[in-house]
Amino acid sequence: MSKTKIYFSLILGLAVLFAQVGVANAAPALQEEIPITGTIQSIVVDTDTSTVVVTLLVEGVSQTLRISVETAISLGLIDEEWVVDESLFGTDVDIYPSTIIPDETPVVEKQHPVGAKIAEFFAGFFDVDYEMIMSSHSDGLGFGVITQALWITQKLGGDDTVFQTILDAKKTGDYSLIVLPDGTVPQNWGQLKKTVLKGDDNNSLGDVMSDKTKPENPGNGKPETPPGQDKDKQNNGNGKPENPPGQTKDKQNNGNGKK
């Protein structure tokens, strides 16, 4: 036999030996995974997610495991038509942890209590929502300013565009885009609040947090009828009551100073 053949045979033998050693080393790794063994209580096919939910009784404790349809078929839990084999209920099955699909727990966003309260208070007023409130707050505006801007917008009968314009004016100090009902343009935040919210005391963040009632007439800030006075008792616009207090019409003088 030539040296070349001997050398080739030696290399081939070593390759086969290394391959056998590799398989021998890999086998224990596959065997390291310990299956979950339990008695089948129920098998439910979740058609929405194409998975199978198996409830097992493991050492007296009920466990619910979600596996793929393919895994369930390989275990004989369902057939190719996804029909559950109910005859397996009460029998034992081994399910390996690597085949278990974790249930996704929905993440519930924790809302800022003040922002959530403002959104709840003004709910239904144009498109006010929590995201809008928190977006404005993230831009550096305090909740108090946001609340007053919402009230001003409400009084002006505005929408989300007017609301954003008011907030932009507060941030930049430029109020030129805000025209009041009387045609004037406010020069600063204080003048804007004083003009629009005049006569309305319930316009602070504290009023929102304490659940005070919203203004009934958001158009001009004034109630239709002055507080404490019936509509039929209002004067005629001249500042004087129809009859002087304590005097009937028959007893009024004729303007000559004599009774």
C-alpha atoms as a PDB file:
ATOM      1  CA  MET A   1       0.000   0.000   0.000  1.00  0.00           C
ATOM      2  CA  SER A   2       1.373   3.376  -0.936  1.00  0.00           C
ATOM      3  CA  LYS A   3       2.078   6.137   1.541  1.00  0.00           C
ATOM      4  CA  THR A   4      -0.639   8.273  -0.039  1.00  0.00           C
ATOM      5  CA  LYS A   5      -3.322   5.640   0.585  1.00  0.00           C
ATOM      6  CA  ILE A   6      -2.152   5.096   4.174  1.00  0.00           C
ATOM      7  CA  TYR A   7      -2.244   8.858   4.828  1.00  0.00           C
ATOM      8  CA  PHE A   8      -5.761   9.206   3.332  1.00  0.00           C
ATOM      9  CA  SER A   9      -7.050   6.240   5.350  1.00  0.00           C
ATOM     10  CA  LEU A  10      -5.648   7.767   8.538  1.00  0.00           C
ATOM     11  CA  ILE A  11      -7.377  11.116   7.885  1.00  0.00           C
ATOM     12  CA  LEU A  12     -10.674   9.398   7.089  1.00  0.00           C
ATOM     13  CA  GLY A  13     -10.467   7.337  10.262  1.00  0.00           C
ATOM     14  CA  LEU A  14      -9.824  10.415  12.392  1.00  0.00           C
ATOM     15  CA  ALA A  15     -12.755  12.222  10.770  1.00  0.00           C
ATOM     16  CA  VAL A  16     -15.106   9.357  11.583  1.00  0.00           C
ATOM     17  CA  LEU A  17     -13.774   9.224  15.156  1.00  0.00           C
ATOM     18  CA  PHE A  18     -14.296  12.978  15.698  1.00  0.00           C
ATOM     19  CA  ALA A  19     -17.812  12.748  14.277  1.00  0.00           C
ATOM     20  CA  GLN A  20     -18.702   9.965  16.697  1.00  0.00           C
ATOM     21  CA  VAL A  21     -17.260  11.931  19.616  1.00  0.00           C
ATOM     22  CA  GLY A  22     -19.305  14.993  18.561  1.00  0.00           C
ATOM     23  CA  VAL A  23     -22.532  13.007  18.473  1.00  0.00           C
ATOM     24  CA  ALA A  24     -21.743  11.454  21.848  1.00  0.00           C
ATOM     25  CA  ASN A  25     -21.145  14.903  23.360  1.00  0.00           C
ATOM     26  CA  ALA A  26     -24.299  16.373  21.822  1.00  0.00           C
ATOM     27  CA  ALA A  27     -26.561  13.610  23.101  1.00  0.00           C
ATOM     28  CA  PRO A  28     -26.266  14.576  26.798  1.00  0.00           C
ATOM     29  CA  ALA A  29     -27.021  18.213  25.881  1.00  0.00           C
ATOM     30  CA  LEU A  30     -30.300  17.178  24.266  1.00  0.00           C
ATOM     31  CA  GLN A  31     -31.117  15.041  27.259  1.00  0.00           C
ATOM     32  CA  GLU A  32     -30.533  17.841  29.744  1.00  0.00           C
ATOM     33  CA  GLU A  33     -34.006  19.330  29.151  1.00  0.00           C
ATOM     34  CA  ILE A  34     -36.435  17.878  31.661  1.00  0.00           C
ATOM     35  CA  PRO A  35     -40.010  17.569  30.425  1.00  0.00           C
ATOM     36  CA  ILE A  36     -43.055  18.726  32.337  1.00  0.00           C
ATOM     37  CA  THR A  37     -45.012  15.585  33.086  1.00  0.00           C
ATOM     38  CA  GLY A  38     -48.623  15.879  34.118  1.00  0.00           C
ATOM     39  CA  THR A  39     -52.108  14.458  33.813  1.00  0.00           C
ATOM     40  CA  ILE A  40     -54.154  16.000  31.015  1.00  0.00           C
ATOM     41  CA  GLN A  41     -57.138  17.943  32.300  1.00  0.00           C
ATOM     42  CA  SER A  42     -58.181  19.738  29.129  1.00  0.00           C
ATOM     43  CA  ILE A  43     -57.036  20.477  25.582  1.00  0.00           C
ATOM     44  CA  VAL A  44     -58.303  23.601  23.828  1.00  0.00           C
ATOM     45  CA  VAL A  45     -57.422  24.670  20.291  1.00  0.00           C
ATOM     46  CA  ASP A  46     -57.040  28.450  20.012  1.00  0.00           C
ATOM     47  CA  THR A  47     -57.867  29.043  16.358  1.00  0.00           C
ATOM     48  CA  ASP A  48     -57.147  32.809  16.639  1.00  0.00           C
ATOM     49  CA  THR A  49     -53.474  32.183  17.398  1.00  0.00           C
ATOM     50  CA  SER A  50     -53.128  28.687  15.891  1.00  0.00           C
ATOM     51  CA  THR A  51     -51.960  27.324  19.216  1.00  0.00           C
ATOM     52  CA  VAL A  52     -53.177  24.683  21.649  1.00  0.00           C
ATOM     53  CA  VAL A  53     -53.741  25.315  25.357  1.00  0.00           C
ATOM     54  CA  VAL A  54     -53.169  22.229  27.498  1.00  0.00           C
ATOM     55  CA  THR A  55     -54.088  22.117  31.180  1.00  0.00           C
ATOM     56  CA  LEU A  56     -52.086  19.594  33.189  1.00  0.00           C
ATOM     57  CA  LEU A  57     -52.246  18.462  36.781  1.00  0.00           C
ATOM     58  CA  VAL A  58     -48.602  18.432  37.873  1.00  0.00           C
ATOM     59  CA  GLU A  59     -48.024  17.056  41.351  1.00  0.00           C
ATOM     60  CA  GLY A  60     -51.452  18.212  42.413  1.00  0.00           C
ATOM     61  CA  VAL A  61     -51.019  21.717  40.941  1.00  0.00           C
ATOM     62  CA  SER A  62     -52.888  22.806  37.804  1.00  0.00           C
ATOM     63  CA  GLN A  63     -50.689  24.280  35.070  1.00  0.00           C
ATOM     64  CA  THR A  64     -51.805  25.778  31.759  1.00  0.00           C
ATOM     65  CA  LEU A  65     -49.324  25.447  28.914  1.00  0.00           C
ATOM     66  CA  ARG A  66     -49.587  26.853  25.388  1.00  0.00           C
ATOM     67  CA  ILE A  67     -47.934  24.905  22.575  1.00  0.00           C
ATOM     68  CA  SER A  68     -47.962  25.059  18.791  1.00  0.00           C
ATOM     69  CA  VAL A  69     -50.396  23.052  16.684  1.00  0.00           C
ATOM     70  CA  GLU A  70     -47.457  21.105  15.267  1.00  0.00           C
ATOM     71  CA  THR A  71     -46.278  20.132  18.743  1.00  0.00           C
ATOM     72  CA  ALA A  72     -49.786  19.122  19.758  1.00  0.00           C
ATOM     73  CA  ILE A  73     -50.096  16.932  16.667  1.00  0.00           C
ATOM     74  CA  SER A  74     -46.706  15.310  17.332  1.00  0.00           C
ATOM     75  CA  LEU A  75     -47.856  14.497  20.880  1.00  0.00           C
ATOM     76  CA  GLY A  76     -51.090  13.043  19.561  1.00  0.00           C
ATOM     77  CA  LEU A  77     -53.208  15.596  21.450  1.00  0.00           C
ATOM     78  CA  ILE A  78     -55.009  16.626  18.243  1.00  0.00           C
ATOM     79  CA  ASP A  79     -55.170  15.215  14.738  1.00  0.00           C
ATOM     80  CA  GLU A  80     -54.370  16.862  11.415  1.00  0.00           C
ATOM     81  CA  GLU A  81     -57.865  18.378  11.374  1.00  0.00           C
ATOM     82  CA  TRP A  82     -57.167  19.983  14.772  1.00  0.00           C
ATOM     83  CA  VAL A  83     -59.719  17.729  16.462  1.00  0.00           C
ATOM     84  CA  VAL A  84     -58.961  17.109  20.136  1.00  0.00           C
ATOM     85  CA  ASP A  85     -58.503  13.517  21.260  1.00  0.00           C
ATOM     86  CA  GLU A  86     -60.633  13.618  24.411  1.00  0.00           C
ATOM     87  CA  SER A  87     -59.766  10.006  25.193  1.00  0.00           C
ATOM     88  CA  LEU A  88     -56.410  11.353  26.433  1.00  0.00           C
ATOM     89  CA  PHE A  89     -58.036  13.241  29.296  1.00  0.00           C
ATOM     90  CA  GLY A  90     -56.789  11.742  32.553  1.00  0.00           C
ATOM     91  CA  THR A  91     -53.653  10.301  30.965  1.00  0.00           C
ATOM     92  CA  ASP A  92     -50.100  11.573  31.364  1.00  0.00           C
ATOM     93  CA  VAL A  93     -48.094  13.493  28.783  1.00  0.00           C
ATOM     94  CA  ASP A  94     -44.580  14.932  28.619  1.00  0.00           C
ATOM     95  CA  ILE A  95     -44.227  18.498  27.326  1.00  0.00           C
ATOM     96  CA  TYR A  96     -40.739  19.939  26.978  1.00  0.00           C
ATOM     97  CA  PRO A  97     -40.225  23.548  28.162  1.00  0.00           C
ATOM     98  CA  SER A  98     -38.613  24.526  24.847  1.00  0.00           C
ATOM     99  CA  THR A  99     -41.921  23.788  23.067  1.00  0.00           C
ATOM    100  CA  ILE A 100     -43.986  25.996  25.380  1.00  0.00           C
ATOM    101  CA  ILE A 101     -45.149  29.340  23.950  1.00  0.00           C
ATOM    102  CA  PRO A 102     -45.227  32.069  26.635  1.00  0.00           C
ATOM    103  CA  ASP A 103     -48.469  33.988  26.920  1.00  0.00           C
ATOM    104  CA  GLU A 104     -48.037  37.665  26.122  1.00  0.00           C
ATOM    105  CA  THR A 105     -49.274  39.775  28.987  1.00  0.00           C
ATOM    106  CA  PRO A 106     -50.719  43.076  27.722  1.00  0.00           C
ATOM    107  CA  VAL A 107     -48.799  46.074  28.987  1.00  0.00           C
ATOM    108  CA  VAL A 108     -51.089  48.557  30.704  1.00  0.00           C
ATOM    109  CA  GLU A 109     -49.777  52.091  30.502  1.00  0.00           C
ATOM    110  CA  LYS A 110     -49.736  53.823  33.847  1.00  0.00           C
ATOM    111  CA  GLN A 111     -51.293  57.241  33.276  1.00  0.00           C
ATOM    112  CA  HIS A 112     -50.326  60.427  35.045  1.00  0.00           C
ATOM    113  CA  PRO A 113     -53.159  61.090  37.540  1.00  0.00           C
ATOM    114  CA  VAL A 114     -53.357  64.829  36.804  1.00  0.00           C
ATOM    115  CA  GLY A 115     -53.200  64.427  33.033  1.00  0.00           C
ATOM    116  CA  ALA A 116     -55.818  61.674  33.176  1.00  0.00           C
ATOM    117  CA  LYS A 117     -58.097  63.838  35.320  1.00  0.00           C
ATOM    118  CA  ILE A 118     -57.884  66.784  32.901  1.00  0.00           C
ATOM    119  CA  ALA A 119     -58.644  64.505  29.960  1.00  0.00           C
ATOM    120  CA  GLU A 120     -61.612  63.030  31.826  1.00  0.00           C
ATOM    121  CA  PHE A 121     -62.932  66.461  32.830  1.00  0.00           C
ATOM    122  CA  PHE A 122     -62.846  67.856  29.275  1.00  0.00           C
ATOM    123  CA  ALA A 123     -63.831  64.593  27.584  1.00  0.00           C
ATOM    124  CA  GLY A 124     -66.183  65.270  24.671  1.00  0.00           C
ATOM    125  CA  PHE A 125     -64.854  68.787  24.109  1.00  0.00           C
ATOM    126  CA  PHE A 126     -63.478  68.651  20.515  1.00  0.00           C
ATOM    127  CA  ASP A 127     -60.785  65.916  20.465  1.00  0.00           C
ATOM    128  CA  VAL A 128     -59.326  66.297  23.956  1.00  0.00           C
ATOM    129  CA  ASP A 129     -57.720  63.082  25.141  1.00  0.00           C
ATOM    130  CA  TYR A 130     -54.964  61.932  27.484  1.00  0.00           C
ATOM    131  CA  GLU A 131     -52.322  61.799  24.747  1.00  0.00           C
ATOM    132  CA  MET A 132     -53.006  65.423  23.777  1.00  0.00           C
ATOM    133  CA  ILE A 133     -52.709  66.572  27.387  1.00  0.00           C
ATOM    134  CA  MET A 134     -49.467  64.698  27.991  1.00  0.00           C
ATOM    135  CA  SER A 135     -47.987  65.816  24.660  1.00  0.00           C
ATOM    136  CA  SER A 136     -48.532  69.448  25.654  1.00  0.00           C
ATOM    137  CA  HIS A 137     -47.072  68.738  29.089  1.00  0.00           C
ATOM    138  CA  SER A 138     -44.003  67.128  27.499  1.00  0.00           C
ATOM    139  CA  ASP A 139     -43.463  70.357  25.568  1.00  0.00           C
ATOM    140  CA  GLY A 140     -42.796  72.087  28.872  1.00  0.00           C
ATOM    141  CA  LEU A 141     -46.264  73.447  29.687  1.00  0.00           C
ATOM    142  CA  GLY A 142     -47.657  72.989  33.166  1.00  0.00           C
ATOM    143  CA  PHE A 143     -50.979  71.292  33.793  1.00  0.00           C
ATOM    144  CA  GLY A 144     -52.381  74.570  35.132  1.00  0.00           C
ATOM    145  CA  VAL A 145     -51.636  76.395  31.873  1.00  0.00           C
ATOM    146  CA  ILE A 146     -53.043  73.497  29.841  1.00  0.00           C
ATOM    147  CA  THR A 147     -56.238  73.570  31.886  1.00  0.00           C
ATOM    148  CA  GLN A 148     -56.691  77.325  31.427  1.00  0.00           C
ATOM    149  CA  ALA A 149     -55.938  77.019  27.700  1.00  0.00           C
ATOM    150  CA  LEU A 150     -58.694  74.430  27.439  1.00  0.00           C
ATOM    151  CA  TRP A 151     -61.119  76.703  29.255  1.00  0.00           C
ATOM    152  CA  ILE A 152     -60.192  79.656  27.053  1.00  0.00           C
ATOM    153  CA  THR A 153     -60.655  77.491  23.961  1.00  0.00           C
ATOM    154  CA  GLN A 154     -64.031  76.400  25.288  1.00  0.00           C
ATOM    155  CA  LYS A 155     -65.113  79.970  25.940  1.00  0.00           C
ATOM    156  CA  LEU A 156     -64.085  80.993  22.441  1.00  0.00           C
ATOM    157  CA  GLY A 157     -65.940  78.041  20.964  1.00  0.00           C
ATOM    158  CA  GLY A 158     -62.697  76.825  19.434  1.00  0.00           C
ATOM    159  CA  ASP A 159     -61.318  73.462  18.457  1.00  0.00           C
ATOM    160  CA  ASP A 160     -58.007  71.633  18.765  1.00  0.00           C
ATOM    161  CA  THR A 161     -56.379  74.107  16.350  1.00  0.00           C
ATOM    162  CA  VAL A 162     -57.387  77.063  18.532  1.00  0.00           C
ATOM    163  CA  PHE A 163     -56.185  75.180  21.603  1.00  0.00           C
ATOM    164  CA  GLN A 164     -52.780  74.566  20.051  1.00  0.00           C
ATOM    165  CA  THR A 165     -52.560  78.200  18.889  1.00  0.00           C
ATOM    166  CA  ILE A 166     -53.171  79.362  22.457  1.00  0.00           C
ATOM    167  CA  LEU A 167     -50.500  77.035  23.813  1.00  0.00           C
ATOM    168  CA  ASP A 168     -48.023  78.170  21.146  1.00  0.00           C
ATOM    169  CA  ALA A 169     -48.725  81.803  22.066  1.00  0.00           C
ATOM    170  CA  LYS A 170     -48.040  80.990  25.703  1.00  0.00           C
ATOM    171  CA  LYS A 171     -44.695  79.406  24.816  1.00  0.00           C
ATOM    172  CA  THR A 172     -43.516  82.032  22.328  1.00  0.00           C
ATOM    173  CA  GLY A 173     -45.157  85.171  23.716  1.00  0.00           C
ATOM    174  CA  ASP A 174     -46.602  85.940  20.265  1.00  0.00           C
ATOM    175  CA  TYR A 175     -50.398  86.385  20.533  1.00  0.00           C
ATOM    176  CA  SER A 176     -50.889  87.911  17.081  1.00  0.00           C
ATOM    177  CA  LEU A 177     -52.825  84.886  15.806  1.00  0.00           C
ATOM    178  CA  ILE A 178     -55.431  85.112  18.556  1.00  0.00           C
ATOM    179  CA  VAL A 179     -58.312  87.463  17.811  1.00  0.00           C
ATOM    180  CA  LEU A 180     -60.812  87.989  20.601  1.00  0.00           C
ATOM    181  CA  PRO A 181     -64.580  88.315  20.021  1.00  0.00           C
ATOM    182  CA  ASP A 182     -64.309  92.109  20.303  1.00  0.00           C
ATOM    183  CA  GLY A 183     -61.721  92.166  17.514  1.00  0.00           C
ATOM    184  CA  THR A 184     -58.763  92.939  19.738  1.00  0.00           C
ATOM    185  CA  VAL A 185     -55.550  90.959  19.981  1.00  0.00           C
ATOM    186  CA  PRO A 186     -54.251  90.157  23.493  1.00  0.00           C
ATOM    187  CA  GLN A 187     -50.756  91.285  24.288  1.00  0.00           C
ATOM    188  CA  ASN A 188     -49.930  88.680  26.910  1.00  0.00           C
ATOM    189  CA  TRP A 189     -51.230  85.622  28.770  1.00  0.00           C
ATOM    190  CA  GLY A 190     -52.678  87.630  31.625  1.00  0.00           C
ATOM    191  CA  GLN A 191     -54.706  89.852  29.305  1.00  0.00           C
ATOM    192  CA  LEU A 192     -55.966  86.818  27.395  1.00  0.00           C
ATOM    193  CA  LYS A 193     -57.170  85.113  30.565  1.00  0.00           C
ATOM    194  CA  LYS A 194     -58.692  88.276  32.005  1.00  0.00           C
ATOM    195  CA  THR A 195     -60.606  89.075  28.833  1.00  0.00           C
ATOM    196  CA  VAL A 196     -61.921  85.602  28.035  1.00  0.00           C
ATOM    197  CA  LEU A 197     -62.411  84.160  31.510  1.00  0.00           C
ATOM    198  CA  LYS A 198     -63.823  87.321  33.071  1.00  0.00           C
ATOM    199  CA  GLY A 199     -66.667  86.494  35.427  1.00  0.00           C
ATOM    200  CA  ASP A 200     -65.844  82.796  35.567  1.00  0.00           C
ATOM    201  CA  ASP A 201     -64.106  81.721  38.742  1.00  0.00           C
ATOM    202  CA  ASN A 202     -64.056  78.004  37.957  1.00  0.00           C
ATOM    203  CA  ASN A 203     -61.106  77.943  35.586  1.00  0.00           C
ATOM    204  CA  SER A 204     -58.162  76.583  37.541  1.00  0.00           C
ATOM    205  CA  LEU A 205     -56.520  73.185  37.773  1.00  0.00           C
ATOM    206  CA  GLY A 206     -57.842  72.928  41.336  1.00  0.00           C
ATOM    207  CA  ASP A 207     -61.407  73.215  40.035  1.00  0.00           C
ATOM    208  CA  VAL A 208     -60.754  70.313  37.696  1.00  0.00           C
ATOM    209  CA  MET A 209     -59.189  68.143  40.381  1.00  0.00           C
ATOM    210  CA  SER A 210     -62.066  68.872  42.762  1.00  0.00           C
ATOM    211  CA  ASP A 211     -64.650  67.976  40.096  1.00  0.00           C
ATOM    212  CA  LYS A 212     -66.335  71.393  39.983  1.00  0.00           C
ATOM    213  CA  THR A 213     -68.990  71.780  37.324  1.00  0.00           C
ATOM    214  CA  LYS A 214     -67.943  73.153  33.957  1.00  0.00           C
ATOM    215  CA  PRO A 215     -69.285  76.590  32.986  1.00  0.00           C
ATOM    216  CA  GLU A 216     -72.796  76.155  31.632  1.00  0.00           C
ATOM    217  CA  ASN A 217     -72.420  78.823  28.977  1.00  0.00           C
ATOM    218  CA  PRO A 218     -68.985  78.500  27.365  1.00  0.00           C
ATOM    219  CA  GLY A 219     -69.722  81.155  24.749  1.00  0.00           C
ATOM    220  CA  ASN A 220     -69.162  84.380  26.677  1.00  0.00           C
ATOM    221  CA  GLY A 221     -68.588  83.382  30.267  1.00  0.00           C
ATOM    222  CA  LYS A 222     -71.845  84.976  31.464  1.00  0.00           C
ATOM    223  CA  PRO A 223     -74.952  83.078  32.546  1.00  0.00           C
ATOM    224  CA  GLU A 224     -78.084  83.738  30.570  1.00  0.00           C
ATOM    225  CA  THR A 225     -79.843  85.034  33.696  1.00  0.00           C
ATOM    226  CA  PRO A 226     -77.964  86.929  36.462  1.00  0.00           C
ATOM    227  CA  PRO A 227     -77.552  84.767  39.580  1.00  0.00           C
ATOM    228  CA  GLY A 228     -80.444  85.036  42.034  1.00  0.00           C
ATOM    229  CA  GLN A 229     -82.782  86.752  39.589  1.00  0.00           C
ATOM    230  CA  ASP A 230     -85.619  85.283  37.565  1.00  0.00           C
ATOM    231  CA  LYS A 231     -85.786  86.057  33.884  1.00  0.00           C
ATOM    232  CA  ASP A 232     -89.161  87.848  34.232  1.00  0.00           C
ATOM    233  CA  LYS A 233     -87.711  90.126  36.925  1.00  0.00           C
ATOM    234  CA  GLN A 234     -84.855  91.475  34.825  1.00  0.00           C
ATOM    235  CA  ASN A 235     -84.804  95.193  34.059  1.00  0.00           C
ATOM    236  CA  ASN A 236     -85.248  96.606  30.607  1.00  0.00           C
ATOM    237  CA  GLY A 237     -81.632  97.506  30.009  1.00  0.00           C
ATOM    238  CA  ASN A 238     -81.715 101.017  31.521  1.00  0.00           C
ATOM    239  CA  GLY A 239     -80.172  99.984  34.812  1.00  0.00           C
ATOM    240  CA  LYS A 240     -83.382 100.844  36.755  1.00  0.00           C
ATOM    241  CA  PRO A 241     -86.040  98.474  38.017  1.00  0.00           C
ATOM    242  CA  GLU A 242     -89.507  98.874  36.544  1.00  0.00           C
ATOM    243  CA  ASN A 243     -90.839 100.074  39.910  1.00  0.00           C
ATOM    244  CA  PRO A 244     -88.679 101.574  42.662  1.00  0.00           C
ATOM    245  CA  PRO A 245     -88.294  99.218  45.626  1.00  0.00           C
ATOM    246  CA  GLY A 246     -91.243  99.463  48.046  1.00  0.00           C
ATOM    247  CA  GLN A 247     -93.366 101.591  45.679  1.00  0.00           C
ATOM    248  CA  THR A 248     -96.127 100.535  43.365  1.00  0.00           C
ATOM    249  CA  LYS A 249     -96.773 102.023  39.961  1.00  0.00           C
ATOM    250  CA  ASP A 250     -99.848 103.948  41.165  1.00  0.00           C
ATOM    251  CA  LYS A 251     -97.836 105.729  43.855  1.00  0.00           C
ATOM    252  CA  GLN A 252     -95.022 106.915  41.612  1.00  0.00           C
ATOM    253  CA  ASN A 253     -94.785 110.687  41.153  1.00  0.00           C
ATOM    254  CA  ASN A 254     -94.911 112.335  37.801  1.00  0.00           C
ATOM    255  CA  GLY A 255     -91.435 113.794  37.931  1.00  0.00           C
ATOM    256  CA  ASN A 256     -92.538 117.154  39.386  1.00  0.00           C
ATOM    257  CA  GLY A 257     -91.324 116.406  42.907  1.00  0.00           C
ATOM    258  CA  LYS A 258     -94.896 116.242  44.270  1.00  0.00           C
ATOM    259  CA  LYS A 259     -96.737 113.186  45.388  1.00  0.00           C
END
